[in-house]
Amino acid sequence: DTAVYYCHASFNDNVYWGQGTQVTV
């Protein structure tokens, strides 16, 4: 599960991304 986790928003043609947060197991 170790990875950078990114938030994503989508509505029709609008797409947004977050900067990510590191999760290390």
mmCIF file of all heavy atoms, coordinates in Angstrom:
data_MODEL
# 
_entry.id   MODEL 
# 
loop_
_atom_site.group_PDB 
_atom_site.id 
_atom_site.type_symbol 
_atom_site.label_atom_id 
_atom_site.label_alt_id 
_atom_site.label_comp_id 
_atom_site.label_asym_id 
_atom_site.label_entity_id 
_atom_site.label_seq_id 
_atom_site.pdbx_PDB_ins_code 
_atom_site.Cartn_x 
_atom_site.Cartn_y 
_atom_site.Cartn_z 
_atom_site.occupancy 
_atom_site.B_iso_or_equiv 
_atom_site.pdbx_formal_charge 
_atom_site.auth_seq_id 
_atom_site.auth_comp_id 
_atom_site.auth_asym_id 
_atom_site.auth_atom_id 
_atom_site.pdbx_PDB_model_num 
ATOM 1   N N   . ASP A 1 1  ? 0.814   -1.213 0.000   1.00 0.00 ? 1  ASP A N   1 
ATOM 2   C CA  . ASP A 1 1  ? 0.000   0.000  0.000   1.00 0.00 ? 1  ASP A CA  1 
ATOM 3   C C   . ASP A 1 1  ? 0.847   1.263  0.000   1.00 0.00 ? 1  ASP A C   1 
ATOM 4   O O   . ASP A 1 1  ? 0.306   2.367  -0.131  1.00 0.00 ? 1  ASP A O   1 
ATOM 5   C CB  . ASP A 1 1  ? -0.938  0.018  1.208   1.00 0.00 ? 1  ASP A CB  1 
ATOM 6   C CG  . ASP A 1 1  ? -1.983  -1.087 1.162   1.00 0.00 ? 1  ASP A CG  1 
ATOM 7   O OD1 . ASP A 1 1  ? -2.512  -1.361 0.065   1.00 0.00 ? 1  ASP A OD1 1 
ATOM 8   O OD2 . ASP A 1 1  ? -2.271  -1.667 2.226   1.00 0.00 ? 1  ASP A OD2 1 
ATOM 9   N N   . THR A 1 2  ? 2.142   1.123  0.174   1.00 0.00 ? 2  THR A N   1 
ATOM 10  C CA  . THR A 1 2  ? 3.038   2.275  0.179   1.00 0.00 ? 2  THR A CA  1 
ATOM 11  C C   . THR A 1 2  ? 2.986   2.992  -1.164  1.00 0.00 ? 2  THR A C   1 
ATOM 12  O O   . THR A 1 2  ? 3.228   2.390  -2.209  1.00 0.00 ? 2  THR A O   1 
ATOM 13  C CB  . THR A 1 2  ? 4.474   1.850  0.483   1.00 0.00 ? 2  THR A CB  1 
ATOM 14  O OG1 . THR A 1 2  ? 4.547   1.323  1.812   1.00 0.00 ? 2  THR A OG1 1 
ATOM 15  C CG2 . THR A 1 2  ? 5.424   3.033  0.376   1.00 0.00 ? 2  THR A CG2 1 
ATOM 16  N N   . ALA A 1 3  ? 2.659   4.280  -1.141  1.00 0.00 ? 3  ALA A N   1 
ATOM 17  C CA  . ALA A 1 3  ? 2.515   5.061  -2.366  1.00 0.00 ? 3  ALA A CA  1 
ATOM 18  C C   . ALA A 1 3  ? 2.207   6.504  -2.003  1.00 0.00 ? 3  ALA A C   1 
ATOM 19  O O   . ALA A 1 3  ? 1.933   6.825  -0.849  1.00 0.00 ? 3  ALA A O   1 
ATOM 20  C CB  . ALA A 1 3  ? 1.389   4.498  -3.240  1.00 0.00 ? 3  ALA A CB  1 
ATOM 21  N N   . VAL A 1 4  ? 2.251   7.358  -3.012  1.00 0.00 ? 4  VAL A N   1 
ATOM 22  C CA  . VAL A 1 4  ? 1.697   8.697  -2.876  1.00 0.00 ? 4  VAL A CA  1 
ATOM 23  C C   . VAL A 1 4  ? 0.227   8.615  -3.237  1.00 0.00 ? 4  VAL A C   1 
ATOM 24  O O   . VAL A 1 4  ? -0.129  8.107  -4.311  1.00 0.00 ? 4  VAL A O   1 
ATOM 25  C CB  . VAL A 1 4  ? 2.417   9.715  -3.772  1.00 0.00 ? 4  VAL A CB  1 
ATOM 26  C CG1 . VAL A 1 4  ? 1.762   11.085 -3.655  1.00 0.00 ? 4  VAL A CG1 1 
ATOM 27  C CG2 . VAL A 1 4  ? 3.889   9.802  -3.403  1.00 0.00 ? 4  VAL A CG2 1 
ATOM 28  N N   . TYR A 1 5  ? -0.622  9.090  -2.358  1.00 0.00 ? 5  TYR A N   1 
ATOM 29  C CA  . TYR A 1 5  ? -2.061  9.041  -2.565  1.00 0.00 ? 5  TYR A CA  1 
ATOM 30  C C   . TYR A 1 5  ? -2.563  10.405 -3.016  1.00 0.00 ? 5  TYR A C   1 
ATOM 31  O O   . TYR A 1 5  ? -2.290  11.426 -2.382  1.00 0.00 ? 5  TYR A O   1 
ATOM 32  C CB  . TYR A 1 5  ? -2.771  8.603  -1.278  1.00 0.00 ? 5  TYR A CB  1 
ATOM 33  C CG  . TYR A 1 5  ? -2.645  7.119  -1.024  1.00 0.00 ? 5  TYR A CG  1 
ATOM 34  C CD1 . TYR A 1 5  ? -1.428  6.570  -0.628  1.00 0.00 ? 5  TYR A CD1 1 
ATOM 35  C CD2 . TYR A 1 5  ? -3.729  6.264  -1.211  1.00 0.00 ? 5  TYR A CD2 1 
ATOM 36  C CE1 . TYR A 1 5  ? -1.292  5.210  -0.428  1.00 0.00 ? 5  TYR A CE1 1 
ATOM 37  C CE2 . TYR A 1 5  ? -3.602  4.900  -1.001  1.00 0.00 ? 5  TYR A CE2 1 
ATOM 38  C CZ  . TYR A 1 5  ? -2.389  4.379  -0.616  1.00 0.00 ? 5  TYR A CZ  1 
ATOM 39  O OH  . TYR A 1 5  ? -2.266  3.019  -0.410  1.00 0.00 ? 5  TYR A OH  1 
ATOM 40  N N   . TYR A 1 6  ? -3.315  10.405 -4.124  1.00 0.00 ? 6  TYR A N   1 
ATOM 41  C CA  . TYR A 1 6  ? -3.785  11.629 -4.754  1.00 0.00 ? 6  TYR A CA  1 
ATOM 42  C C   . TYR A 1 6  ? -5.301  11.727 -4.727  1.00 0.00 ? 6  TYR A C   1 
ATOM 43  O O   . TYR A 1 6  ? -6.000  10.761 -5.018  1.00 0.00 ? 6  TYR A O   1 
ATOM 44  C CB  . TYR A 1 6  ? -3.340  11.694 -6.218  1.00 0.00 ? 6  TYR A CB  1 
ATOM 45  C CG  . TYR A 1 6  ? -1.854  11.769 -6.429  1.00 0.00 ? 6  TYR A CG  1 
ATOM 46  C CD1 . TYR A 1 6  ? -1.101  10.613 -6.593  1.00 0.00 ? 6  TYR A CD1 1 
ATOM 47  C CD2 . TYR A 1 6  ? -1.200  12.994 -6.474  1.00 0.00 ? 6  TYR A CD2 1 
ATOM 48  C CE1 . TYR A 1 6  ? 0.263   10.669 -6.804  1.00 0.00 ? 6  TYR A CE1 1 
ATOM 49  C CE2 . TYR A 1 6  ? 0.163   13.064 -6.682  1.00 0.00 ? 6  TYR A CE2 1 
ATOM 50  C CZ  . TYR A 1 6  ? 0.891   11.895 -6.851  1.00 0.00 ? 6  TYR A CZ  1 
ATOM 51  O OH  . TYR A 1 6  ? 2.242   11.958 -7.065  1.00 0.00 ? 6  TYR A OH  1 
ATOM 52  N N   . CYS A 1 7  ? -5.787  12.892 -4.420  1.00 0.00 ? 7  CYS A N   1 
ATOM 53  C CA  . CYS A 1 7  ? -7.202  13.198 -4.486  1.00 0.00 ? 7  CYS A CA  1 
ATOM 54  C C   . CYS A 1 7  ? -7.562  13.638 -5.902  1.00 0.00 ? 7  CYS A C   1 
ATOM 55  O O   . CYS A 1 7  ? -6.809  14.369 -6.552  1.00 0.00 ? 7  CYS A O   1 
ATOM 56  C CB  . CYS A 1 7  ? -7.519  14.305 -3.479  1.00 0.00 ? 7  CYS A CB  1 
ATOM 57  S SG  . CYS A 1 7  ? -9.250  14.765 -3.343  1.00 0.00 ? 7  CYS A SG  1 
ATOM 58  N N   . HIS A 1 8  ? -8.723  13.199 -6.389  1.00 0.00 ? 8  HIS A N   1 
ATOM 59  C CA  . HIS A 1 8  ? -9.145  13.451 -7.760  1.00 0.00 ? 8  HIS A CA  1 
ATOM 60  C C   . HIS A 1 8  ? -10.619 13.817 -7.788  1.00 0.00 ? 8  HIS A C   1 
ATOM 61  O O   . HIS A 1 8  ? -11.440 13.162 -7.154  1.00 0.00 ? 8  HIS A O   1 
ATOM 62  C CB  . HIS A 1 8  ? -8.887  12.192 -8.595  1.00 0.00 ? 8  HIS A CB  1 
ATOM 63  C CG  . HIS A 1 8  ? -9.340  12.264 -10.014 1.00 0.00 ? 8  HIS A CG  1 
ATOM 64  N ND1 . HIS A 1 8  ? -10.618 11.925 -10.398 1.00 0.00 ? 8  HIS A ND1 1 
ATOM 65  C CD2 . HIS A 1 8  ? -8.679  12.608 -11.150 1.00 0.00 ? 8  HIS A CD2 1 
ATOM 66  C CE1 . HIS A 1 8  ? -10.730 12.060 -11.711 1.00 0.00 ? 8  HIS A CE1 1 
ATOM 67  N NE2 . HIS A 1 8  ? -9.573  12.468 -12.186 1.00 0.00 ? 8  HIS A NE2 1 
ATOM 68  N N   . ALA A 1 9  ? -10.945 14.871 -8.536  1.00 0.00 ? 9  ALA A N   1 
ATOM 69  C CA  . ALA A 1 9  ? -12.328 15.320 -8.686  1.00 0.00 ? 9  ALA A CA  1 
ATOM 70  C C   . ALA A 1 9  ? -12.698 15.360 -10.157 1.00 0.00 ? 9  ALA A C   1 
ATOM 71  O O   . ALA A 1 9  ? -11.914 15.817 -10.990 1.00 0.00 ? 9  ALA A O   1 
ATOM 72  C CB  . ALA A 1 9  ? -12.513 16.705 -8.066  1.00 0.00 ? 9  ALA A CB  1 
ATOM 73  N N   . SER A 1 10 ? -13.897 14.879 -10.493 1.00 0.00 ? 10 SER A N   1 
ATOM 74  C CA  . SER A 1 10 ? -14.320 14.809 -11.886 1.00 0.00 ? 10 SER A CA  1 
ATOM 75  C C   . SER A 1 10 ? -15.794 15.144 -12.026 1.00 0.00 ? 10 SER A C   1 
ATOM 76  O O   . SER A 1 10 ? -16.639 14.609 -11.306 1.00 0.00 ? 10 SER A O   1 
ATOM 77  C CB  . SER A 1 10 ? -14.056 13.405 -12.435 1.00 0.00 ? 10 SER A CB  1 
ATOM 78  O OG  . SER A 1 10 ? -14.505 13.280 -13.771 1.00 0.00 ? 10 SER A OG  1 
ATOM 79  N N   . PHE A 1 11 ? -16.104 16.028 -12.977 1.00 0.00 ? 11 PHE A N   1 
ATOM 80  C CA  . PHE A 1 11 ? -17.477 16.359 -13.341 1.00 0.00 ? 11 PHE A CA  1 
ATOM 81  C C   . PHE A 1 11 ? -17.485 16.795 -14.793 1.00 0.00 ? 11 PHE A C   1 
ATOM 82  O O   . PHE A 1 11 ? -16.909 17.823 -15.142 1.00 0.00 ? 11 PHE A O   1 
ATOM 83  C CB  . PHE A 1 11 ? -18.040 17.461 -12.442 1.00 0.00 ? 11 PHE A CB  1 
ATOM 84  C CG  . PHE A 1 11 ? -19.454 17.837 -12.772 1.00 0.00 ? 11 PHE A CG  1 
ATOM 85  C CD1 . PHE A 1 11 ? -20.491 16.948 -12.553 1.00 0.00 ? 11 PHE A CD1 1 
ATOM 86  C CD2 . PHE A 1 11 ? -19.751 19.083 -13.297 1.00 0.00 ? 11 PHE A CD2 1 
ATOM 87  C CE1 . PHE A 1 11 ? -21.801 17.286 -12.856 1.00 0.00 ? 11 PHE A CE1 1 
ATOM 88  C CE2 . PHE A 1 11 ? -21.053 19.433 -13.599 1.00 0.00 ? 11 PHE A CE2 1 
ATOM 89  C CZ  . PHE A 1 11 ? -22.082 18.532 -13.380 1.00 0.00 ? 11 PHE A CZ  1 
ATOM 90  N N   . ASN A 1 12 ? -18.129 15.991 -15.635 1.00 0.00 ? 12 ASN A N   1 
ATOM 91  C CA  . ASN A 1 12 ? -18.108 16.215 -17.083 1.00 0.00 ? 12 ASN A CA  1 
ATOM 92  C C   . ASN A 1 12 ? -16.655 16.335 -17.564 1.00 0.00 ? 12 ASN A C   1 
ATOM 93  O O   . ASN A 1 12 ? -15.878 15.412 -17.363 1.00 0.00 ? 12 ASN A O   1 
ATOM 94  C CB  . ASN A 1 12 ? -18.949 17.430 -17.444 1.00 0.00 ? 12 ASN A CB  1 
ATOM 95  C CG  . ASN A 1 12 ? -20.426 17.214 -17.160 1.00 0.00 ? 12 ASN A CG  1 
ATOM 96  O OD1 . ASN A 1 12 ? -20.916 16.086 -17.148 1.00 0.00 ? 12 ASN A OD1 1 
ATOM 97  N ND2 . ASN A 1 12 ? -21.142 18.301 -16.930 1.00 0.00 ? 12 ASN A ND2 1 
ATOM 98  N N   . ASP A 1 13 ? -16.288 17.454 -18.162 1.00 0.00 ? 13 ASP A N   1 
ATOM 99  C CA  . ASP A 1 13 ? -14.932 17.620 -18.674 1.00 0.00 ? 13 ASP A CA  1 
ATOM 100 C C   . ASP A 1 13 ? -13.988 18.277 -17.675 1.00 0.00 ? 13 ASP A C   1 
ATOM 101 O O   . ASP A 1 13 ? -12.819 18.515 -17.984 1.00 0.00 ? 13 ASP A O   1 
ATOM 102 C CB  . ASP A 1 13 ? -14.935 18.446 -19.958 1.00 0.00 ? 13 ASP A CB  1 
ATOM 103 C CG  . ASP A 1 13 ? -15.542 17.711 -21.131 1.00 0.00 ? 13 ASP A CG  1 
ATOM 104 O OD1 . ASP A 1 13 ? -15.545 16.466 -21.129 1.00 0.00 ? 13 ASP A OD1 1 
ATOM 105 O OD2 . ASP A 1 13 ? -16.017 18.386 -22.062 1.00 0.00 ? 13 ASP A OD2 1 
ATOM 106 N N   . ASN A 1 14 ? -14.460 18.558 -16.487 1.00 0.00 ? 14 ASN A N   1 
ATOM 107 C CA  . ASN A 1 14 ? -13.631 19.190 -15.463 1.00 0.00 ? 14 ASN A CA  1 
ATOM 108 C C   . ASN A 1 14 ? -12.957 18.133 -14.603 1.00 0.00 ? 14 ASN A C   1 
ATOM 109 O O   . ASN A 1 14 ? -13.629 17.289 -14.006 1.00 0.00 ? 14 ASN A O   1 
ATOM 110 C CB  . ASN A 1 14 ? -14.458 20.128 -14.593 1.00 0.00 ? 14 ASN A CB  1 
ATOM 111 C CG  . ASN A 1 14 ? -15.021 21.295 -15.367 1.00 0.00 ? 14 ASN A CG  1 
ATOM 112 O OD1 . ASN A 1 14 ? -14.370 21.836 -16.253 1.00 0.00 ? 14 ASN A OD1 1 
ATOM 113 N ND2 . ASN A 1 14 ? -16.235 21.699 -15.042 1.00 0.00 ? 14 ASN A ND2 1 
ATOM 114 N N   . VAL A 1 15 ? -11.645 18.178 -14.542 1.00 0.00 ? 15 VAL A N   1 
ATOM 115 C CA  . VAL A 1 15 ? -10.854 17.242 -13.761 1.00 0.00 ? 15 VAL A CA  1 
ATOM 116 C C   . VAL A 1 15 ? -9.827  18.008 -12.942 1.00 0.00 ? 15 VAL A C   1 
ATOM 117 O O   . VAL A 1 15 ? -9.105  18.841 -13.476 1.00 0.00 ? 15 VAL A O   1 
ATOM 118 C CB  . VAL A 1 15 ? -10.139 16.210 -14.650 1.00 0.00 ? 15 VAL A CB  1 
ATOM 119 C CG1 . VAL A 1 15 ? -9.248  15.306 -13.816 1.00 0.00 ? 15 VAL A CG1 1 
ATOM 120 C CG2 . VAL A 1 15 ? -11.151 15.388 -15.424 1.00 0.00 ? 15 VAL A CG2 1 
ATOM 121 N N   . TYR A 1 16 ? -9.750  17.690 -11.649 1.00 0.00 ? 16 TYR A N   1 
ATOM 122 C CA  . TYR A 1 16 ? -8.793  18.343 -10.771 1.00 0.00 ? 16 TYR A CA  1 
ATOM 123 C C   . TYR A 1 16 ? -8.035  17.293 -9.971  1.00 0.00 ? 16 TYR A C   1 
ATOM 124 O O   . TYR A 1 16 ? -8.589  16.256 -9.603  1.00 0.00 ? 16 TYR A O   1 
ATOM 125 C CB  . TYR A 1 16 ? -9.486  19.310 -9.810  1.00 0.00 ? 16 TYR A CB  1 
ATOM 126 C CG  . TYR A 1 16 ? -10.353 20.337 -10.483 1.00 0.00 ? 16 TYR A CG  1 
ATOM 127 C CD1 . TYR A 1 16 ? -11.714 20.397 -10.225 1.00 0.00 ? 16 TYR A CD1 1 
ATOM 128 C CD2 . TYR A 1 16 ? -9.807  21.250 -11.379 1.00 0.00 ? 16 TYR A CD2 1 
ATOM 129 C CE1 . TYR A 1 16 ? -12.516 21.346 -10.845 1.00 0.00 ? 16 TYR A CE1 1 
ATOM 130 C CE2 . TYR A 1 16 ? -10.602 22.193 -12.008 1.00 0.00 ? 16 TYR A CE2 1 
ATOM 131 C CZ  . TYR A 1 16 ? -11.954 22.239 -11.736 1.00 0.00 ? 16 TYR A CZ  1 
ATOM 132 O OH  . TYR A 1 16 ? -12.748 23.184 -12.351 1.00 0.00 ? 16 TYR A OH  1 
ATOM 133 N N   . TRP A 1 17 ? -6.767  17.599 -9.693  1.00 0.00 ? 17 TRP A N   1 
ATOM 134 C CA  . TRP A 1 17 ? -5.896  16.725 -8.912  1.00 0.00 ? 17 TRP A CA  1 
ATOM 135 C C   . TRP A 1 17 ? -5.319  17.454 -7.715  1.00 0.00 ? 17 TRP A C   1 
ATOM 136 O O   . TRP A 1 17 ? -5.014  18.643 -7.789  1.00 0.00 ? 17 TRP A O   1 
ATOM 137 C CB  . TRP A 1 17 ? -4.726  16.223 -9.765  1.00 0.00 ? 17 TRP A CB  1 
ATOM 138 C CG  . TRP A 1 17 ? -5.081  15.234 -10.825 1.00 0.00 ? 17 TRP A CG  1 
ATOM 139 C CD1 . TRP A 1 17 ? -5.373  15.491 -12.124 1.00 0.00 ? 17 TRP A CD1 1 
ATOM 140 C CD2 . TRP A 1 17 ? -5.142  13.811 -10.676 1.00 0.00 ? 17 TRP A CD2 1 
ATOM 141 N NE1 . TRP A 1 17 ? -5.621  14.318 -12.799 1.00 0.00 ? 17 TRP A NE1 1 
ATOM 142 C CE2 . TRP A 1 17 ? -5.489  13.274 -11.944 1.00 0.00 ? 17 TRP A CE2 1 
ATOM 143 C CE3 . TRP A 1 17 ? -4.943  12.944 -9.603  1.00 0.00 ? 17 TRP A CE3 1 
ATOM 144 C CZ2 . TRP A 1 17 ? -5.636  11.910 -12.163 1.00 0.00 ? 17 TRP A CZ2 1 
ATOM 145 C CZ3 . TRP A 1 17 ? -5.093  11.580 -9.816  1.00 0.00 ? 17 TRP A CZ3 1 
ATOM 146 C CH2 . TRP A 1 17 ? -5.431  11.084 -11.083 1.00 0.00 ? 17 TRP A CH2 1 
ATOM 147 N N   . GLY A 1 18 ? -5.136  16.723 -6.633  1.00 0.00 ? 18 GLY A N   1 
ATOM 148 C CA  . GLY A 1 18 ? -4.407  17.244 -5.498  1.00 0.00 ? 18 GLY A CA  1 
ATOM 149 C C   . GLY A 1 18 ? -2.917  17.027 -5.670  1.00 0.00 ? 18 GLY A C   1 
ATOM 150 O O   . GLY A 1 18 ? -2.458  16.438 -6.654  1.00 0.00 ? 18 GLY A O   1 
ATOM 151 N N   . GLN A 1 19 ? -2.147  17.498 -4.703  1.00 0.00 ? 19 GLN A N   1 
ATOM 152 C CA  . GLN A 1 19 ? -0.689  17.416 -4.782  1.00 0.00 ? 19 GLN A CA  1 
ATOM 153 C C   . GLN A 1 19 ? -0.144  16.079 -4.302  1.00 0.00 ? 19 GLN A C   1 
ATOM 154 O O   . GLN A 1 19 ? 1.008   15.748 -4.559  1.00 0.00 ? 19 GLN A O   1 
ATOM 155 C CB  . GLN A 1 19 ? -0.060  18.557 -3.972  1.00 0.00 ? 19 GLN A CB  1 
ATOM 156 C CG  . GLN A 1 19 ? 0.099   18.296 -2.473  1.00 0.00 ? 19 GLN A CG  1 
ATOM 157 C CD  . GLN A 1 19 ? -1.211  18.276 -1.702  1.00 0.00 ? 19 GLN A CD  1 
ATOM 158 O OE1 . GLN A 1 19 ? -2.259  18.692 -2.198  1.00 0.00 ? 19 GLN A OE1 1 
ATOM 159 N NE2 . GLN A 1 19 ? -1.158  17.787 -0.464  1.00 0.00 ? 19 GLN A NE2 1 
ATOM 160 N N   . GLY A 1 20 ? -0.954  15.320 -3.606  1.00 0.00 ? 20 GLY A N   1 
ATOM 161 C CA  . GLY A 1 20 ? -0.560  14.015 -3.122  1.00 0.00 ? 20 GLY A CA  1 
ATOM 162 C C   . GLY A 1 20 ? -0.051  14.042 -1.692  1.00 0.00 ? 20 GLY A C   1 
ATOM 163 O O   . GLY A 1 20 ? 0.489   15.038 -1.222  1.00 0.00 ? 20 GLY A O   1 
ATOM 164 N N   . THR A 1 21 ? -0.233  12.929 -1.002  1.00 0.00 ? 21 THR A N   1 
ATOM 165 C CA  . THR A 1 21 ? 0.304   12.752 0.340   1.00 0.00 ? 21 THR A CA  1 
ATOM 166 C C   . THR A 1 21 ? 0.934   11.366 0.442   1.00 0.00 ? 21 THR A C   1 
ATOM 167 O O   . THR A 1 21 ? 0.378   10.381 -0.040  1.00 0.00 ? 21 THR A O   1 
ATOM 168 C CB  . THR A 1 21 ? -0.790  12.951 1.416   1.00 0.00 ? 21 THR A CB  1 
ATOM 169 O OG1 . THR A 1 21 ? -0.197  12.897 2.719   1.00 0.00 ? 21 THR A OG1 1 
ATOM 170 C CG2 . THR A 1 21 ? -1.886  11.900 1.318   1.00 0.00 ? 21 THR A CG2 1 
ATOM 171 N N   . GLN A 1 22 ? 2.114   11.302 1.036   1.00 0.00 ? 22 GLN A N   1 
ATOM 172 C CA  . GLN A 1 22 ? 2.879   10.059 1.102   1.00 0.00 ? 22 GLN A CA  1 
ATOM 173 C C   . GLN A 1 22 ? 2.360   9.163  2.218   1.00 0.00 ? 22 GLN A C   1 
ATOM 174 O O   . GLN A 1 22 ? 2.219   9.598  3.368   1.00 0.00 ? 22 GLN A O   1 
ATOM 175 C CB  . GLN A 1 22 ? 4.361   10.360 1.332   1.00 0.00 ? 22 GLN A CB  1 
ATOM 176 C CG  . GLN A 1 22 ? 5.237   9.118  1.489   1.00 0.00 ? 22 GLN A CG  1 
ATOM 177 C CD  . GLN A 1 22 ? 5.417   8.362  0.206   1.00 0.00 ? 22 GLN A CD  1 
ATOM 178 O OE1 . GLN A 1 22 ? 5.741   8.950  -0.827  1.00 0.00 ? 22 GLN A OE1 1 
ATOM 179 N NE2 . GLN A 1 22 ? 5.210   7.043  0.251   1.00 0.00 ? 22 GLN A NE2 1 
ATOM 180 N N   . VAL A 1 23 ? 2.089   7.913  1.874   1.00 0.00 ? 23 VAL A N   1 
ATOM 181 C CA  . VAL A 1 23 ? 1.752   6.883  2.846   1.00 0.00 ? 23 VAL A CA  1 
ATOM 182 C C   . VAL A 1 23 ? 2.818   5.798  2.753   1.00 0.00 ? 23 VAL A C   1 
ATOM 183 O O   . VAL A 1 23 ? 3.018   5.208  1.696   1.00 0.00 ? 23 VAL A O   1 
ATOM 184 C CB  . VAL A 1 23 ? 0.361   6.281  2.598   1.00 0.00 ? 23 VAL A CB  1 
ATOM 185 C CG1 . VAL A 1 23 ? 0.114   5.094  3.522   1.00 0.00 ? 23 VAL A CG1 1 
ATOM 186 C CG2 . VAL A 1 23 ? -0.715  7.344  2.784   1.00 0.00 ? 23 VAL A CG2 1 
ATOM 187 N N   . THR A 1 24 ? 3.498   5.555  3.858   1.00 0.00 ? 24 THR A N   1 
ATOM 188 C CA  . THR A 1 24 ? 4.550   4.546  3.903   1.00 0.00 ? 24 THR A CA  1 
ATOM 189 C C   . THR A 1 24 ? 4.201   3.495  4.943   1.00 0.00 ? 24 THR A C   1 
ATOM 190 O O   . THR A 1 24 ? 4.003   3.815  6.119   1.00 0.00 ? 24 THR A O   1 
ATOM 191 C CB  . THR A 1 24 ? 5.908   5.176  4.238   1.00 0.00 ? 24 THR A CB  1 
ATOM 192 O OG1 . THR A 1 24 ? 6.227   6.177  3.271   1.00 0.00 ? 24 THR A OG1 1 
ATOM 193 C CG2 . THR A 1 24 ? 6.995   4.121  4.244   1.00 0.00 ? 24 THR A CG2 1 
ATOM 194 N N   . VAL A 1 25 ? 4.121   2.250  4.504   1.00 0.00 ? 25 VAL A N   1 
ATOM 195 C CA  . VAL A 1 25 ? 3.842   1.124  5.392   1.00 0.00 ? 25 VAL A CA  1 
ATOM 196 C C   . VAL A 1 25 ? 5.145   0.359  5.584   1.00 0.00 ? 25 VAL A C   1 
ATOM 197 O O   . VAL A 1 25 ? 5.692   -0.205 4.632   1.00 0.00 ? 25 VAL A O   1 
ATOM 198 C CB  . VAL A 1 25 ? 2.754   0.208  4.830   1.00 0.00 ? 25 VAL A CB  1 
ATOM 199 C CG1 . VAL A 1 25 ? 2.426   -0.896 5.833   1.00 0.00 ? 25 VAL A CG1 1 
ATOM 200 C CG2 . VAL A 1 25 ? 1.504   1.009  4.488   1.00 0.00 ? 25 VAL A CG2 1 
# 
